[in-house]
Protein backbone atom coordinates (compact mmCIF):
# COMPACT_ATOMS: atom_id res chain seq x y z
CA UNK A 1 21.58 -114.29 56.77
CA UNK A 2 24.99 -111.78 56.76
CA UNK A 3 27.00 -110.70 59.37
CA UNK A 4 26.49 -107.33 60.59
CA UNK A 5 28.78 -104.84 58.59
CA UNK A 6 32.40 -105.05 59.97
CA UNK A 7 36.12 -103.77 59.42
CA UNK A 8 38.02 -106.98 57.99
CA UNK A 9 41.44 -107.69 57.24
CA UNK A 10 42.59 -110.64 55.43
CA UNK A 11 45.77 -111.66 56.43
CA UNK A 12 48.55 -114.16 55.28
CA UNK A 13 51.53 -114.80 53.48
CA UNK A 14 51.79 -114.85 49.89
CA UNK A 15 50.06 -117.39 48.31
CA UNK A 16 47.30 -118.03 50.89
CA UNK A 17 44.48 -117.01 49.04
CA UNK A 18 43.91 -113.27 50.51
CA UNK A 19 42.35 -111.99 47.42
CA UNK A 20 40.23 -115.01 46.55
CA UNK A 21 38.69 -115.24 50.12
CA UNK A 22 38.38 -111.42 50.47
CA UNK A 23 36.56 -110.76 47.18
CA UNK A 24 34.30 -114.00 47.61
CA UNK A 25 33.27 -113.17 51.31
CA UNK A 26 32.59 -109.54 50.27
CA UNK A 27 30.56 -110.72 47.47
CA UNK A 28 28.57 -113.09 50.03
CA UNK A 29 27.91 -110.37 52.65
CA UNK A 30 27.79 -107.44 50.47
CA UNK A 31 30.87 -105.46 51.45
CA UNK A 32 33.38 -104.04 49.46
CA UNK A 33 36.92 -105.70 49.02
CA UNK A 34 39.98 -104.11 48.18
CA UNK A 35 43.42 -105.81 47.63
CA UNK A 36 45.95 -104.28 50.08
CA UNK A 37 48.54 -104.61 47.54
CA UNK A 38 47.39 -102.08 45.44
CA UNK A 39 48.13 -99.38 48.04
CA UNK A 40 52.15 -100.33 48.48
CA UNK A 41 54.21 -97.36 46.94
CA UNK A 42 55.94 -98.49 43.67
CA UNK A 43 59.13 -98.65 45.42
CA UNK A 44 57.67 -101.55 47.25
CA UNK A 45 56.38 -103.30 44.71
CA UNK A 46 60.13 -103.08 42.97
CA UNK A 47 61.99 -104.17 46.09
CA UNK A 48 59.72 -107.47 46.34
CA UNK A 49 59.66 -107.98 42.48
CA UNK A 50 63.71 -107.78 42.80
CA UNK A 51 63.49 -110.58 45.41
CA UNK A 52 64.09 -108.27 48.56
CA UNK A 53 61.97 -108.42 51.69
CA UNK A 54 60.38 -105.17 52.38
CA UNK A 55 61.64 -103.84 56.03
CA UNK A 56 59.32 -102.31 58.92
CA UNK A 57 60.39 -98.93 57.66
CA UNK A 58 58.74 -99.80 54.19
CA UNK A 59 55.54 -101.02 55.78
CA UNK A 60 54.67 -98.56 58.12
CA UNK A 61 53.07 -96.06 55.82
CA UNK A 62 51.28 -99.00 53.68
CA UNK A 63 49.85 -100.25 56.92
CA UNK A 64 48.40 -96.86 57.81
CA UNK A 65 46.58 -96.77 54.31
CA UNK A 66 45.60 -99.89 54.93
CA UNK A 67 43.76 -98.82 58.11
CA UNK A 68 42.88 -95.39 56.40
CA UNK A 69 41.02 -97.42 53.55
CA UNK A 70 38.70 -99.26 56.44
CA UNK A 71 37.82 -96.04 58.02
CA UNK A 72 36.99 -94.64 54.71
CA UNK A 73 34.49 -97.54 54.24
CA UNK A 74 32.06 -96.63 57.55
CA UNK A 75 29.48 -99.32 56.61
CA UNK A 76 32.44 -101.87 56.80
CA UNK A 77 34.85 -103.08 54.22
CA UNK A 78 37.22 -105.96 53.75
CA UNK A 79 40.98 -105.61 53.03
CA UNK A 80 43.83 -108.37 51.85
CA UNK A 81 46.57 -107.37 53.54
CA UNK A 82 49.74 -109.68 54.99
CA UNK A 83 49.64 -108.20 58.31
CA UNK A 84 52.30 -110.69 59.24
CA UNK A 85 53.48 -108.93 62.70
CA UNK A 86 51.48 -108.19 65.63
CA UNK A 87 53.02 -104.49 65.51
CA UNK A 88 51.73 -104.62 61.83
CA UNK A 89 48.31 -105.70 63.13
CA UNK A 90 48.48 -103.09 65.94
CA UNK A 91 49.12 -100.28 63.44
CA UNK A 92 46.24 -100.95 61.51
CA UNK A 93 44.27 -101.53 64.77
CA UNK A 94 45.13 -97.69 65.72
CA UNK A 95 43.24 -96.28 62.78
CA UNK A 96 40.47 -98.95 62.44
CA UNK A 97 40.34 -99.96 66.20
CA UNK A 98 37.14 -102.61 65.19
CA UNK A 99 39.12 -104.31 62.64
CA UNK A 100 38.78 -108.18 62.76
CA UNK A 101 41.49 -110.18 61.38
CA UNK A 102 40.76 -113.50 58.94
CA UNK A 103 44.09 -115.66 58.54
CA UNK A 104 43.98 -117.61 56.00
CA UNK A 105 47.37 -120.10 56.55
CA UNK A 106 48.42 -123.56 55.07
CA UNK A 107 51.33 -125.97 54.94
CA UNK A 108 54.67 -124.68 53.33
CA UNK A 109 54.30 -127.06 50.62
CA UNK A 110 50.80 -126.07 49.59
CA UNK A 111 51.68 -122.06 50.15
CA UNK A 112 54.77 -122.76 47.70
CA UNK A 113 52.75 -124.56 45.16
CA UNK A 114 50.33 -121.51 44.89
CA UNK A 115 53.10 -118.71 44.64
CA UNK A 116 54.82 -121.08 41.68
CA UNK A 117 51.50 -121.11 39.91
CA UNK A 118 51.17 -117.24 40.04
CA UNK A 119 52.46 -116.33 36.52
CA UNK A 120 53.29 -112.47 36.50
CA UNK A 121 52.71 -111.79 40.50
CA UNK A 122 55.48 -109.33 41.69
CA UNK A 123 56.17 -111.52 44.71
CA UNK A 124 58.67 -114.20 43.76
CA UNK A 125 58.13 -117.69 45.60
CA UNK A 126 61.62 -117.34 46.67
CA UNK A 127 60.13 -114.42 49.28
CA UNK A 128 57.86 -117.27 50.92
CA UNK A 129 60.72 -118.27 53.56
CA UNK A 130 61.10 -114.54 54.62
CA UNK A 131 57.30 -114.18 55.04
CA UNK A 132 57.13 -117.63 56.97
CA UNK A 133 59.81 -116.25 59.28
CA UNK A 134 58.25 -112.80 60.09
CA UNK A 135 54.99 -114.36 60.58
CA UNK A 136 53.49 -113.92 64.08
CA UNK A 137 49.76 -115.95 64.50
CA UNK A 138 47.35 -114.16 65.94
CA UNK A 139 47.32 -113.85 69.84
CA UNK A 140 44.50 -114.73 72.53
CA UNK A 141 43.70 -111.05 72.99
CA UNK A 142 43.30 -110.38 69.42
CA UNK A 143 39.94 -110.24 67.51
CA UNK A 144 40.71 -112.79 64.87
CA UNK A 145 41.18 -116.70 63.85
CA UNK A 146 43.07 -118.77 61.56
CA UNK A 147 41.25 -120.71 58.56
CA UNK A 148 43.30 -123.47 56.72
CA UNK A 149 43.50 -123.01 53.37
CA UNK A 150 43.52 -126.53 52.32
CA UNK A 151 39.84 -126.33 51.99
CA UNK A 152 37.87 -124.58 48.77
CA UNK A 153 37.38 -120.99 48.83
CA UNK A 154 33.67 -121.19 49.49
CA UNK A 155 34.37 -123.53 52.23
CA UNK A 156 37.04 -120.93 53.90
CA UNK A 157 34.18 -118.42 52.95
CA UNK A 158 31.63 -120.02 54.83
CA UNK A 159 33.62 -120.89 57.97
CA UNK A 160 34.58 -116.94 58.07
CA UNK A 161 30.85 -116.08 57.98
CA UNK A 162 29.95 -118.51 60.81
CA UNK A 163 32.80 -117.06 62.77
CA UNK A 164 31.89 -113.40 62.00
CA UNK A 165 28.02 -113.96 62.52
CA UNK A 166 29.06 -115.31 66.02
CA UNK A 167 31.02 -112.53 67.38
CA UNK A 168 28.07 -110.21 67.16
């Protein structure tokens, strides 16, 4: 049984498995998935590739595009986006008020290992600490939940579907 369509943001630091979980989740519940990294302007990608963390000013236009992508899919959609700060999630909710957040998260060691195993990705493992320093976990008044990435992607997706179904 599929949950009713929703606007879902799969969030977390780099290496948390946002793309894998988002793609699998979309396939299971019949919603399109889009990797939010594809919405970054080239200047942001160049900055991260050079090992320089993005600033809030770099992120605001990108976060607006994340919310707009969700709203361009009125029947529902899933997008991967770091959404590390509460203010970033608020910016997405300003454009897509019904968005729910699936926070995929794990130990620093596991995240570091995953980042080091991704050849050719623009985000270097050296930026993991800055992302973790920026991360503000979901708050009680936010529609979202943390999912531990130590499980398999299939286990995370099954737990996510159960959680989303319970929101109805």
